[in-house]
């Protein structure tokens, strides 16, 4: 979200204030209309990129896609410049999360003049749809995202140890399969054998490489069974942290004065009336 501190001072030109209200304020009718139209433009621009990646459609409508891409890019460029011009502190917007995303949403088209194919990176525009939370007042859903973020951060140490253990197992099994199967069965090197181990352990099973010897098949069976257990471990770790974060976030303790409940677990005073808990 862009802070109100970005809002132009009263002494600034009136047109900047009007542009600011339209672009940054979603509460006004004009601001709501602008944001909704912007979301539609973002969706359509991403759809154009998707369609252009289909070879048959690119052959038939390549010129049309190119024109549409530049139309959307010019439109978003004008919008980006207006956002910079109308705010009181331009660099605060430029360096903000949405400011960086807005810039990345227009750069690929210009880069395509130098690097062929870079226009497909325009799909990053899909991140601009995050504004939908502000426009349609869905910010309460961001609390759930923050809860998940806290859970992932809290479990990063355990997950790191788990991944290290899995990586060690992959190296050992990969080397073992290289010795057991050998190049004649497709296990041409330890890295290739490690690739097979990862594919098997994650239960993907591409089938491009498979053990042929009885011992190799026994090892493969063990790896497959282990794969199911390995997949469940990180899920359990994150689930426990989510439950813990939810429990810490609030309690069912009731204030003796106003009967308000749902206080933070470390709260000393009621957040509604100030009474000591």
C-alpha atoms as a PDB file:
ATOM      1  CA  UNK A   1       0.000   0.000   0.000  1.00  0.00           C
ATOM      2  CA  UNK A   2       1.162   3.496  -0.744  1.00  0.00           C
ATOM      3  CA  UNK A   3       1.324   5.662   2.359  1.00  0.00           C
ATOM      4  CA  UNK A   4      -0.707   8.849   2.644  1.00  0.00           C
ATOM      5  CA  UNK A   5       2.622  10.607   3.073  1.00  0.00           C
ATOM      6  CA  UNK A   6       2.990  10.337  -0.687  1.00  0.00           C
ATOM      7  CA  UNK A   7      -0.011  12.619  -1.145  1.00  0.00           C
ATOM      8  CA  UNK A   8       0.937  15.979  -2.664  1.00  0.00           C
ATOM      9  CA  UNK A   9       0.966  19.039  -0.432  1.00  0.00           C
ATOM     10  CA  UNK A  10      -1.957  21.439  -0.696  1.00  0.00           C
ATOM     11  CA  UNK A  11       0.181  24.126  -2.239  1.00  0.00           C
ATOM     12  CA  UNK A  12       1.030  21.919  -5.186  1.00  0.00           C
ATOM     13  CA  UNK A  13      -0.750  22.207  -8.511  1.00  0.00           C
ATOM     14  CA  UNK A  14      -4.426  21.303  -8.405  1.00  0.00           C
ATOM     15  CA  UNK A  15      -4.124  18.892 -11.307  1.00  0.00           C
ATOM     16  CA  UNK A  16      -1.610  16.802  -9.364  1.00  0.00           C
ATOM     17  CA  UNK A  17      -4.096  16.450  -6.533  1.00  0.00           C
ATOM     18  CA  UNK A  18      -6.797  15.343  -8.953  1.00  0.00           C
ATOM     19  CA  UNK A  19      -4.482  12.828 -10.626  1.00  0.00           C
ATOM     20  CA  UNK A  20      -3.423  11.543  -7.211  1.00  0.00           C
ATOM     21  CA  UNK A  21      -7.032  11.024  -6.147  1.00  0.00           C
ATOM     22  CA  UNK A  22      -7.799   9.101  -9.329  1.00  0.00           C
ATOM     23  CA  UNK A  23      -4.674   6.905  -9.335  1.00  0.00           C
ATOM     24  CA  UNK A  24      -4.058   6.280  -5.631  1.00  0.00           C
ATOM     25  CA  UNK A  25      -7.454   6.698  -3.974  1.00  0.00           C
ATOM     26  CA  UNK A  26      -9.804   3.743  -4.419  1.00  0.00           C
ATOM     27  CA  UNK A  27     -12.573   5.262  -2.318  1.00  0.00           C
ATOM     28  CA  UNK A  28     -13.660   7.903  -4.839  1.00  0.00           C
ATOM     29  CA  UNK A  29     -15.882   6.917  -7.821  1.00  0.00           C
ATOM     30  CA  UNK A  30     -13.240   8.042 -10.313  1.00  0.00           C
ATOM     31  CA  UNK A  31     -10.525   6.222  -8.391  1.00  0.00           C
ATOM     32  CA  UNK A  32     -12.558   3.016  -8.219  1.00  0.00           C
ATOM     33  CA  UNK A  33     -13.324   3.242 -11.941  1.00  0.00           C
ATOM     34  CA  UNK A  34      -9.654   3.792 -12.764  1.00  0.00           C
ATOM     35  CA  UNK A  35      -8.530   0.825 -10.652  1.00  0.00           C
ATOM     36  CA  UNK A  36     -11.110  -1.531 -12.148  1.00  0.00           C
ATOM     37  CA  UNK A  37     -10.147  -0.483 -15.693  1.00  0.00           C
ATOM     38  CA  UNK A  38      -6.489  -0.930 -14.772  1.00  0.00           C
ATOM     39  CA  UNK A  39      -7.113  -4.461 -13.533  1.00  0.00           C
ATOM     40  CA  UNK A  40      -8.876  -5.347 -16.775  1.00  0.00           C
ATOM     41  CA  UNK A  41      -5.994  -3.897 -18.792  1.00  0.00           C
ATOM     42  CA  UNK A  42      -3.508  -5.968 -16.774  1.00  0.00           C
ATOM     43  CA  UNK A  43      -5.488  -9.171 -17.340  1.00  0.00           C
ATOM     44  CA  UNK A  44      -5.876  -8.531 -21.069  1.00  0.00           C
ATOM     45  CA  UNK A  45      -2.178  -7.708 -21.486  1.00  0.00           C
ATOM     46  CA  UNK A  46      -1.200 -10.984 -19.808  1.00  0.00           C
ATOM     47  CA  UNK A  47      -3.657 -12.896 -22.002  1.00  0.00           C
ATOM     48  CA  UNK A  48      -2.019 -11.363 -25.078  1.00  0.00           C
ATOM     49  CA  UNK A  49       1.381 -12.637 -23.903  1.00  0.00           C
ATOM     50  CA  UNK A  50      -0.083 -16.116 -23.369  1.00  0.00           C
ATOM     51  CA  UNK A  51      -1.615 -16.176 -26.837  1.00  0.00           C
ATOM     52  CA  UNK A  52       1.560 -14.917 -28.477  1.00  0.00           C
ATOM     53  CA  UNK A  53       3.466 -17.875 -27.055  1.00  0.00           C
ATOM     54  CA  UNK A  54       1.262 -20.257 -29.090  1.00  0.00           C
ATOM     55  CA  UNK A  55       3.108 -20.820 -32.383  1.00  0.00           C
ATOM     56  CA  UNK A  56       0.052 -21.154 -34.642  1.00  0.00           C
ATOM     57  CA  UNK A  57      -1.578 -18.020 -33.269  1.00  0.00           C
ATOM     58  CA  UNK A  58       1.670 -16.071 -33.480  1.00  0.00           C
ATOM     59  CA  UNK A  59       1.962 -16.889 -37.179  1.00  0.00           C
ATOM     60  CA  UNK A  60      -1.574 -15.690 -37.885  1.00  0.00           C
ATOM     61  CA  UNK A  61      -1.861 -12.753 -35.489  1.00  0.00           C
ATOM     62  CA  UNK A  62       1.766 -11.876 -34.699  1.00  0.00           C
ATOM     63  CA  UNK A  63       1.447  -8.272 -35.888  1.00  0.00           C
ATOM     64  CA  UNK A  64      -1.764  -7.763 -33.906  1.00  0.00           C
ATOM     65  CA  UNK A  65      -0.160  -9.137 -30.748  1.00  0.00           C
ATOM     66  CA  UNK A  66       2.822  -6.830 -31.249  1.00  0.00           C
ATOM     67  CA  UNK A  67       0.569  -3.780 -31.624  1.00  0.00           C
ATOM     68  CA  UNK A  68      -1.442  -4.737 -28.523  1.00  0.00           C
ATOM     69  CA  UNK A  69       1.713  -5.303 -26.490  1.00  0.00           C
ATOM     70  CA  UNK A  70       3.009  -1.849 -27.321  1.00  0.00           C
ATOM     71  CA  UNK A  71      -0.398  -0.273 -26.684  1.00  0.00           C
ATOM     72  CA  UNK A  72      -0.574  -1.788 -23.202  1.00  0.00           C
ATOM     73  CA  UNK A  73       3.073  -0.929 -22.504  1.00  0.00           C
ATOM     74  CA  UNK A  74       2.604   2.691 -23.518  1.00  0.00           C
ATOM     75  CA  UNK A  75      -0.558   2.853 -21.404  1.00  0.00           C
ATOM     76  CA  UNK A  76       1.223   1.440 -18.348  1.00  0.00           C
ATOM     77  CA  UNK A  77       4.234   3.683 -18.974  1.00  0.00           C
ATOM     78  CA  UNK A  78       2.020   6.772 -18.928  1.00  0.00           C
ATOM     79  CA  UNK A  79       0.382   5.517 -15.752  1.00  0.00           C
ATOM     80  CA  UNK A  80       3.789   4.876 -14.139  1.00  0.00           C
ATOM     81  CA  UNK A  81       5.029   8.369 -15.026  1.00  0.00           C
ATOM     82  CA  UNK A  82       1.831   9.943 -13.685  1.00  0.00           C
ATOM     83  CA  UNK A  83       2.240   8.053 -10.419  1.00  0.00           C
ATOM     84  CA  UNK A  84       5.744   9.480 -10.061  1.00  0.00           C
ATOM     85  CA  UNK A  85       4.730  13.009 -11.033  1.00  0.00           C
ATOM     86  CA  UNK A  86       1.682  13.337  -8.788  1.00  0.00           C
ATOM     87  CA  UNK A  87       3.173  12.075  -5.527  1.00  0.00           C
ATOM     88  CA  UNK A  88       4.943  14.324  -3.044  1.00  0.00           C
ATOM     89  CA  UNK A  89       7.895  11.961  -2.592  1.00  0.00           C
ATOM     90  CA  UNK A  90       8.538  10.155  -5.915  1.00  0.00           C
ATOM     91  CA  UNK A  91      11.408   7.970  -4.705  1.00  0.00           C
ATOM     92  CA  UNK A  92       9.274   6.540  -1.912  1.00  0.00           C
ATOM     93  CA  UNK A  93       6.875   5.252  -4.537  1.00  0.00           C
ATOM     94  CA  UNK A  94       9.625   4.149  -6.961  1.00  0.00           C
ATOM     95  CA  UNK A  95      11.345   2.077  -4.267  1.00  0.00           C
ATOM     96  CA  UNK A  96       8.102   0.673  -2.824  1.00  0.00           C
ATOM     97  CA  UNK A  97       6.921  -2.854  -3.593  1.00  0.00           C
ATOM     98  CA  UNK A  98       4.252  -1.712  -6.033  1.00  0.00           C
ATOM     99  CA  UNK A  99       6.607   0.838  -7.568  1.00  0.00           C
ATOM    100  CA  UNK A 100       9.160  -1.852  -8.411  1.00  0.00           C
ATOM    101  CA  UNK A 101       6.444  -4.131  -9.803  1.00  0.00           C
ATOM    102  CA  UNK A 102       5.020  -1.310 -11.925  1.00  0.00           C
ATOM    103  CA  UNK A 103       8.461  -0.683 -13.400  1.00  0.00           C
ATOM    104  CA  UNK A 104       9.119  -4.362 -14.095  1.00  0.00           C
ATOM    105  CA  UNK A 105       5.726  -4.553 -15.811  1.00  0.00           C
ATOM    106  CA  UNK A 106       6.867  -2.232 -18.615  1.00  0.00           C
ATOM    107  CA  UNK A 107      10.596  -2.970 -18.980  1.00  0.00           C
ATOM    108  CA  UNK A 108      10.359  -6.299 -20.895  1.00  0.00           C
ATOM    109  CA  UNK A 109       8.697  -4.681 -23.922  1.00  0.00           C
ATOM    110  CA  UNK A 110      11.505  -2.137 -24.226  1.00  0.00           C
ATOM    111  CA  UNK A 111      14.110  -4.836 -23.608  1.00  0.00           C
ATOM    112  CA  UNK A 112      12.622  -6.863 -26.469  1.00  0.00           C
ATOM    113  CA  UNK A 113      14.128  -4.272 -28.817  1.00  0.00           C
ATOM    114  CA  UNK A 114      17.543  -5.542 -27.700  1.00  0.00           C
ATOM    115  CA  UNK A 115      16.853  -9.075 -26.455  1.00  0.00           C
ATOM    116  CA  UNK A 116      14.542 -11.207 -28.587  1.00  0.00           C
ATOM    117  CA  UNK A 117      11.880 -13.026 -26.592  1.00  0.00           C
ATOM    118  CA  UNK A 118      12.189 -10.912 -23.447  1.00  0.00           C
ATOM    119  CA  UNK A 119       8.632  -9.643 -24.001  1.00  0.00           C
ATOM    120  CA  UNK A 120       7.337 -12.929 -22.584  1.00  0.00           C
ATOM    121  CA  UNK A 121       8.529 -11.715 -19.181  1.00  0.00           C
ATOM    122  CA  UNK A 122       5.572  -9.353 -19.308  1.00  0.00           C
ATOM    123  CA  UNK A 123       3.627 -12.005 -17.418  1.00  0.00           C
ATOM    124  CA  UNK A 124       5.105 -10.377 -14.314  1.00  0.00           C
ATOM    125  CA  UNK A 125       2.260  -7.904 -14.763  1.00  0.00           C
ATOM    126  CA  UNK A 126       0.073 -10.472 -13.061  1.00  0.00           C
ATOM    127  CA  UNK A 127       1.635  -9.306  -9.771  1.00  0.00           C
ATOM    128  CA  UNK A 128      -0.056  -5.953 -10.264  1.00  0.00           C
ATOM    129  CA  UNK A 129      -3.340  -7.709  -9.574  1.00  0.00           C
ATOM    130  CA  UNK A 130      -2.349  -7.698  -5.901  1.00  0.00           C
ATOM    131  CA  UNK A 131      -3.962  -4.283  -5.854  1.00  0.00           C
ATOM    132  CA  UNK A 132      -7.283  -6.097  -5.939  1.00  0.00           C
ATOM    133  CA  UNK A 133      -6.968  -6.524  -2.152  1.00  0.00           C
ATOM    134  CA  UNK A 134      -6.982  -2.764  -1.695  1.00  0.00           C
ATOM    135  CA  UNK A 135      -9.516  -1.953  -4.390  1.00  0.00           C
ATOM    136  CA  UNK A 136     -12.176  -4.393  -3.214  1.00  0.00           C
ATOM    137  CA  UNK A 137     -11.341  -4.006   0.488  1.00  0.00           C
ATOM    138  CA  UNK A 138      -9.999  -7.519   0.913  1.00  0.00           C
ATOM    139  CA  UNK A 139      -7.111  -6.480   3.143  1.00  0.00           C
ATOM    140  CA  UNK A 140      -8.377  -8.797   5.883  1.00  0.00           C
ATOM    141  CA  UNK A 141      -7.193 -11.690   3.694  1.00  0.00           C
ATOM    142  CA  UNK A 142      -3.657 -10.325   3.909  1.00  0.00           C
ATOM    143  CA  UNK A 143      -3.693 -11.213   7.615  1.00  0.00           C
ATOM    144  CA  UNK A 144      -3.904 -14.860   6.629  1.00  0.00           C
ATOM    145  CA  UNK A 145      -0.977 -14.385   4.257  1.00  0.00           C
ATOM    146  CA  UNK A 146       1.028 -12.820   7.086  1.00  0.00           C
ATOM    147  CA  UNK A 147       0.130 -15.773   9.287  1.00  0.00           C
ATOM    148  CA  UNK A 148       1.483 -18.186   6.671  1.00  0.00           C
ATOM    149  CA  UNK A 149       4.595 -16.015   6.255  1.00  0.00           C
ATOM    150  CA  UNK A 150       5.286 -16.119  10.001  1.00  0.00           C
ATOM    151  CA  UNK A 151       4.832 -19.892  10.020  1.00  0.00           C
ATOM    152  CA  UNK A 152       7.279 -20.360   7.137  1.00  0.00           C
ATOM    153  CA  UNK A 153       9.846 -18.083   8.746  1.00  0.00           C
ATOM    154  CA  UNK A 154       9.501 -19.887  12.069  1.00  0.00           C
ATOM    155  CA  UNK A 155      10.009 -23.292  10.425  1.00  0.00           C
ATOM    156  CA  UNK A 156      12.899 -22.292   8.129  1.00  0.00           C
ATOM    157  CA  UNK A 157      15.513 -23.817  10.451  1.00  0.00           C
ATOM    158  CA  UNK A 158      13.780 -27.177  10.637  1.00  0.00           C
ATOM    159  CA  UNK A 159      13.135 -27.203   6.899  1.00  0.00           C
ATOM    160  CA  UNK A 160      16.791 -26.351   6.217  1.00  0.00           C
ATOM    161  CA  UNK A 161      17.953 -29.304   8.317  1.00  0.00           C
ATOM    162  CA  UNK A 162      15.400 -31.530   6.615  1.00  0.00           C
ATOM    163  CA  UNK A 163      16.530 -30.453   3.130  1.00  0.00           C
ATOM    164  CA  UNK A 164      20.173 -31.041   4.057  1.00  0.00           C
ATOM    165  CA  UNK A 165      19.314 -34.564   5.190  1.00  0.00           C
ATOM    166  CA  UNK A 166      17.389 -35.197   1.958  1.00  0.00           C
ATOM    167  CA  UNK A 167      20.275 -33.845  -0.140  1.00  0.00           C
ATOM    168  CA  UNK A 168      22.707 -36.120   1.688  1.00  0.00           C
ATOM    169  CA  UNK A 169      20.443 -39.090   1.029  1.00  0.00           C
ATOM    170  CA  UNK A 170      20.191 -38.177  -2.658  1.00  0.00           C
ATOM    171  CA  UNK A 171      23.989 -38.094  -3.002  1.00  0.00           C
ATOM    172  CA  UNK A 172      24.419 -41.440  -1.269  1.00  0.00           C
ATOM    173  CA  UNK A 173      21.639 -43.209  -3.206  1.00  0.00           C
ATOM    174  CA  UNK A 174      22.804 -41.624  -6.474  1.00  0.00           C
ATOM    175  CA  UNK A 175      26.334 -42.917  -5.984  1.00  0.00           C
ATOM    176  CA  UNK A 176      24.995 -46.346  -4.986  1.00  0.00           C
ATOM    177  CA  UNK A 177      22.806 -46.593  -8.089  1.00  0.00           C
ATOM    178  CA  UNK A 178      25.725 -45.557 -10.284  1.00  0.00           C
ATOM    179  CA  UNK A 179      27.748 -48.447  -8.898  1.00  0.00           C
ATOM    180  CA  UNK A 180      24.892 -50.960  -9.054  1.00  0.00           C
ATOM    181  CA  UNK A 181      23.430 -50.097 -12.481  1.00  0.00           C
ATOM    182  CA  UNK A 182      26.287 -48.453 -14.343  1.00  0.00           C
ATOM    183  CA  UNK A 183      26.357 -46.588 -17.679  1.00  0.00           C
ATOM    184  CA  UNK A 184      24.988 -49.564 -19.615  1.00  0.00           C
ATOM    185  CA  UNK A 185      21.601 -49.050 -17.948  1.00  0.00           C
ATOM    186  CA  UNK A 186      21.470 -45.283 -18.377  1.00  0.00           C
ATOM    187  CA  UNK A 187      23.155 -44.287 -15.112  1.00  0.00           C
ATOM    188  CA  UNK A 188      26.045 -42.645 -16.938  1.00  0.00           C
ATOM    189  CA  UNK A 189      27.323 -40.555 -14.024  1.00  0.00           C
ATOM    190  CA  UNK A 190      26.657 -39.805 -10.374  1.00  0.00           C
ATOM    191  CA  UNK A 191      24.847 -36.511 -11.216  1.00  0.00           C
ATOM    192  CA  UNK A 192      22.548 -38.433 -13.590  1.00  0.00           C
ATOM    193  CA  UNK A 193      21.953 -41.020 -10.888  1.00  0.00           C
ATOM    194  CA  UNK A 194      21.167 -38.226  -8.434  1.00  0.00           C
ATOM    195  CA  UNK A 195      18.633 -36.868 -10.944  1.00  0.00           C
ATOM    196  CA  UNK A 196      17.000 -40.308 -11.066  1.00  0.00           C
ATOM    197  CA  UNK A 197      16.931 -40.409  -7.253  1.00  0.00           C
ATOM    198  CA  UNK A 198      15.184 -37.026  -7.058  1.00  0.00           C
ATOM    199  CA  UNK A 199      12.612 -38.021  -9.691  1.00  0.00           C
ATOM    200  CA  UNK A 200      11.937 -41.322  -7.917  1.00  0.00           C
ATOM    201  CA  UNK A 201      11.927 -39.913  -4.391  1.00  0.00           C
ATOM    202  CA  UNK A 202       9.411 -37.208  -5.321  1.00  0.00           C
ATOM    203  CA  UNK A 203       7.199 -39.893  -6.954  1.00  0.00           C
ATOM    204  CA  UNK A 204       7.323 -38.044 -10.302  1.00  0.00           C
ATOM    205  CA  UNK A 205       8.656 -41.026 -12.250  1.00  0.00           C
ATOM    206  CA  UNK A 206       9.455 -39.704 -15.725  1.00  0.00           C
ATOM    207  CA  UNK A 207      10.626 -43.136 -16.797  1.00  0.00           C
ATOM    208  CA  UNK A 208      13.515 -41.849 -18.911  1.00  0.00           C
ATOM    209  CA  UNK A 209      15.902 -43.820 -16.677  1.00  0.00           C
ATOM    210  CA  UNK A 210      14.991 -47.003 -14.823  1.00  0.00           C
ATOM    211  CA  UNK A 211      16.960 -49.704 -12.985  1.00  0.00           C
ATOM    212  CA  UNK A 212      17.348 -53.029 -14.775  1.00  0.00           C
ATOM    213  CA  UNK A 213      19.147 -55.188 -12.230  1.00  0.00           C
ATOM    214  CA  UNK A 214      17.305 -56.924  -9.342  1.00  0.00           C
ATOM    215  CA  UNK A 215      19.386 -55.094  -6.723  1.00  0.00           C
ATOM    216  CA  UNK A 216      18.749 -51.753  -8.426  1.00  0.00           C
ATOM    217  CA  UNK A 217      15.015 -52.426  -8.457  1.00  0.00           C
ATOM    218  CA  UNK A 218      15.070 -53.251  -4.750  1.00  0.00           C
ATOM    219  CA  UNK A 219      16.860 -49.974  -4.013  1.00  0.00           C
ATOM    220  CA  UNK A 220      14.360 -48.135  -6.225  1.00  0.00           C
ATOM    221  CA  UNK A 221      11.455 -49.673  -4.293  1.00  0.00           C
ATOM    222  CA  UNK A 222      12.958 -48.499  -0.987  1.00  0.00           C
ATOM    223  CA  UNK A 223      13.480 -44.999  -2.385  1.00  0.00           C
ATOM    224  CA  UNK A 224       9.852 -44.875  -3.598  1.00  0.00           C
ATOM    225  CA  UNK A 225       8.507 -45.834  -0.170  1.00  0.00           C
ATOM    226  CA  UNK A 226      10.804 -43.306   1.516  1.00  0.00           C
ATOM    227  CA  UNK A 227       9.536 -40.673  -0.891  1.00  0.00           C
ATOM    228  CA  UNK A 228       6.039 -40.705   0.581  1.00  0.00           C
ATOM    229  CA  UNK A 229       7.403 -40.151   4.089  1.00  0.00           C
ATOM    230  CA  UNK A 230       9.758 -37.403   2.930  1.00  0.00           C
ATOM    231  CA  UNK A 231       6.961 -35.468   1.213  1.00  0.00           C
ATOM    232  CA  UNK A 232       4.902 -35.488   4.440  1.00  0.00           C
ATOM    233  CA  UNK A 233       7.646 -34.097   6.688  1.00  0.00           C
ATOM    234  CA  UNK A 234       7.753 -30.435   5.539  1.00  0.00           C
ATOM    235  CA  UNK A 235       3.954 -30.337   5.468  1.00  0.00           C
ATOM    236  CA  UNK A 236       3.855 -31.431   9.088  1.00  0.00           C
ATOM    237  CA  UNK A 237       6.527 -28.912  10.112  1.00  0.00           C
ATOM    238  CA  UNK A 238       4.677 -25.975   8.531  1.00  0.00           C
ATOM    239  CA  UNK A 239       1.311 -27.167   9.862  1.00  0.00           C
ATOM    240  CA  UNK A 240       2.621 -27.198  13.431  1.00  0.00           C
ATOM    241  CA  UNK A 241       4.060 -23.691  13.035  1.00  0.00           C
ATOM    242  CA  UNK A 242       0.768 -22.411  11.575  1.00  0.00           C
ATOM    243  CA  UNK A 243      -1.136 -23.829  14.541  1.00  0.00           C
ATOM    244  CA  UNK A 244       1.403 -22.325  16.930  1.00  0.00           C
ATOM    245  CA  UNK A 245       1.254 -18.910  15.204  1.00  0.00           C
ATOM    246  CA  UNK A 246      -2.542 -18.977  15.347  1.00  0.00           C
ATOM    247  CA  UNK A 247      -2.504 -19.862  19.028  1.00  0.00           C
ATOM    248  CA  UNK A 248      -0.035 -17.079  19.833  1.00  0.00           C
ATOM    249  CA  UNK A 249      -1.957 -14.524  17.830  1.00  0.00           C
ATOM    250  CA  UNK A 250      -4.973 -14.483  20.172  1.00  0.00           C
ATOM    251  CA  UNK A 251      -6.511 -16.208  23.160  1.00  0.00           C
ATOM    252  CA  UNK A 252     -10.008 -16.822  24.445  1.00  0.00           C
ATOM    253  CA  UNK A 253      -9.315 -14.912  27.672  1.00  0.00           C
ATOM    254  CA  UNK A 254     -12.272 -12.681  28.544  1.00  0.00           C
ATOM    255  CA  UNK A 255     -11.869  -9.208  30.005  1.00  0.00           C
ATOM    256  CA  UNK A 256     -13.555  -9.103  33.453  1.00  0.00           C
ATOM    257  CA  UNK A 257     -14.694  -5.538  32.856  1.00  0.00           C
ATOM    258  CA  UNK A 258     -16.128  -5.414  29.286  1.00  0.00           C
ATOM    259  CA  UNK A 259     -16.214  -9.171  28.525  1.00  0.00           C
ATOM    260  CA  UNK A 260     -14.116  -8.639  25.391  1.00  0.00           C
ATOM    261  CA  UNK A 261     -12.248 -11.760  24.242  1.00  0.00           C
ATOM    262  CA  UNK A 262      -9.676 -12.541  21.575  1.00  0.00           C
ATOM    263  CA  UNK A 263      -6.707 -10.755  23.176  1.00  0.00           C
ATOM    264  CA  UNK A 264      -3.097 -11.320  22.186  1.00  0.00           C
ATOM    265  CA  UNK A 265      -1.464 -14.100  24.154  1.00  0.00           C
ATOM    266  CA  UNK A 266       1.012 -11.674  25.757  1.00  0.00           C
ATOM    267  CA  UNK A 267      -1.540  -8.933  26.427  1.00  0.00           C
ATOM    268  CA  UNK A 268      -1.585  -7.486  29.956  1.00  0.00           C
ATOM    269  CA  UNK A 269      -4.426  -5.029  29.482  1.00  0.00           C
ATOM    270  CA  UNK A 270      -7.697  -5.293  27.550  1.00  0.00           C
ATOM    271  CA  UNK A 271      -7.359  -3.738  24.092  1.00  0.00           C
ATOM    272  CA  UNK A 272     -10.988  -2.533  24.269  1.00  0.00           C
ATOM    273  CA  UNK A 273     -11.331  -0.873  27.683  1.00  0.00           C
ATOM    274  CA  UNK A 274      -7.812  -0.922  29.135  1.00  0.00           C
ATOM    275  CA  UNK A 275      -8.734  -3.049  32.143  1.00  0.00           C
ATOM    276  CA  UNK A 276      -5.959  -5.281  33.489  1.00  0.00           C
ATOM    277  CA  UNK A 277      -6.426  -8.902  32.452  1.00  0.00           C
END
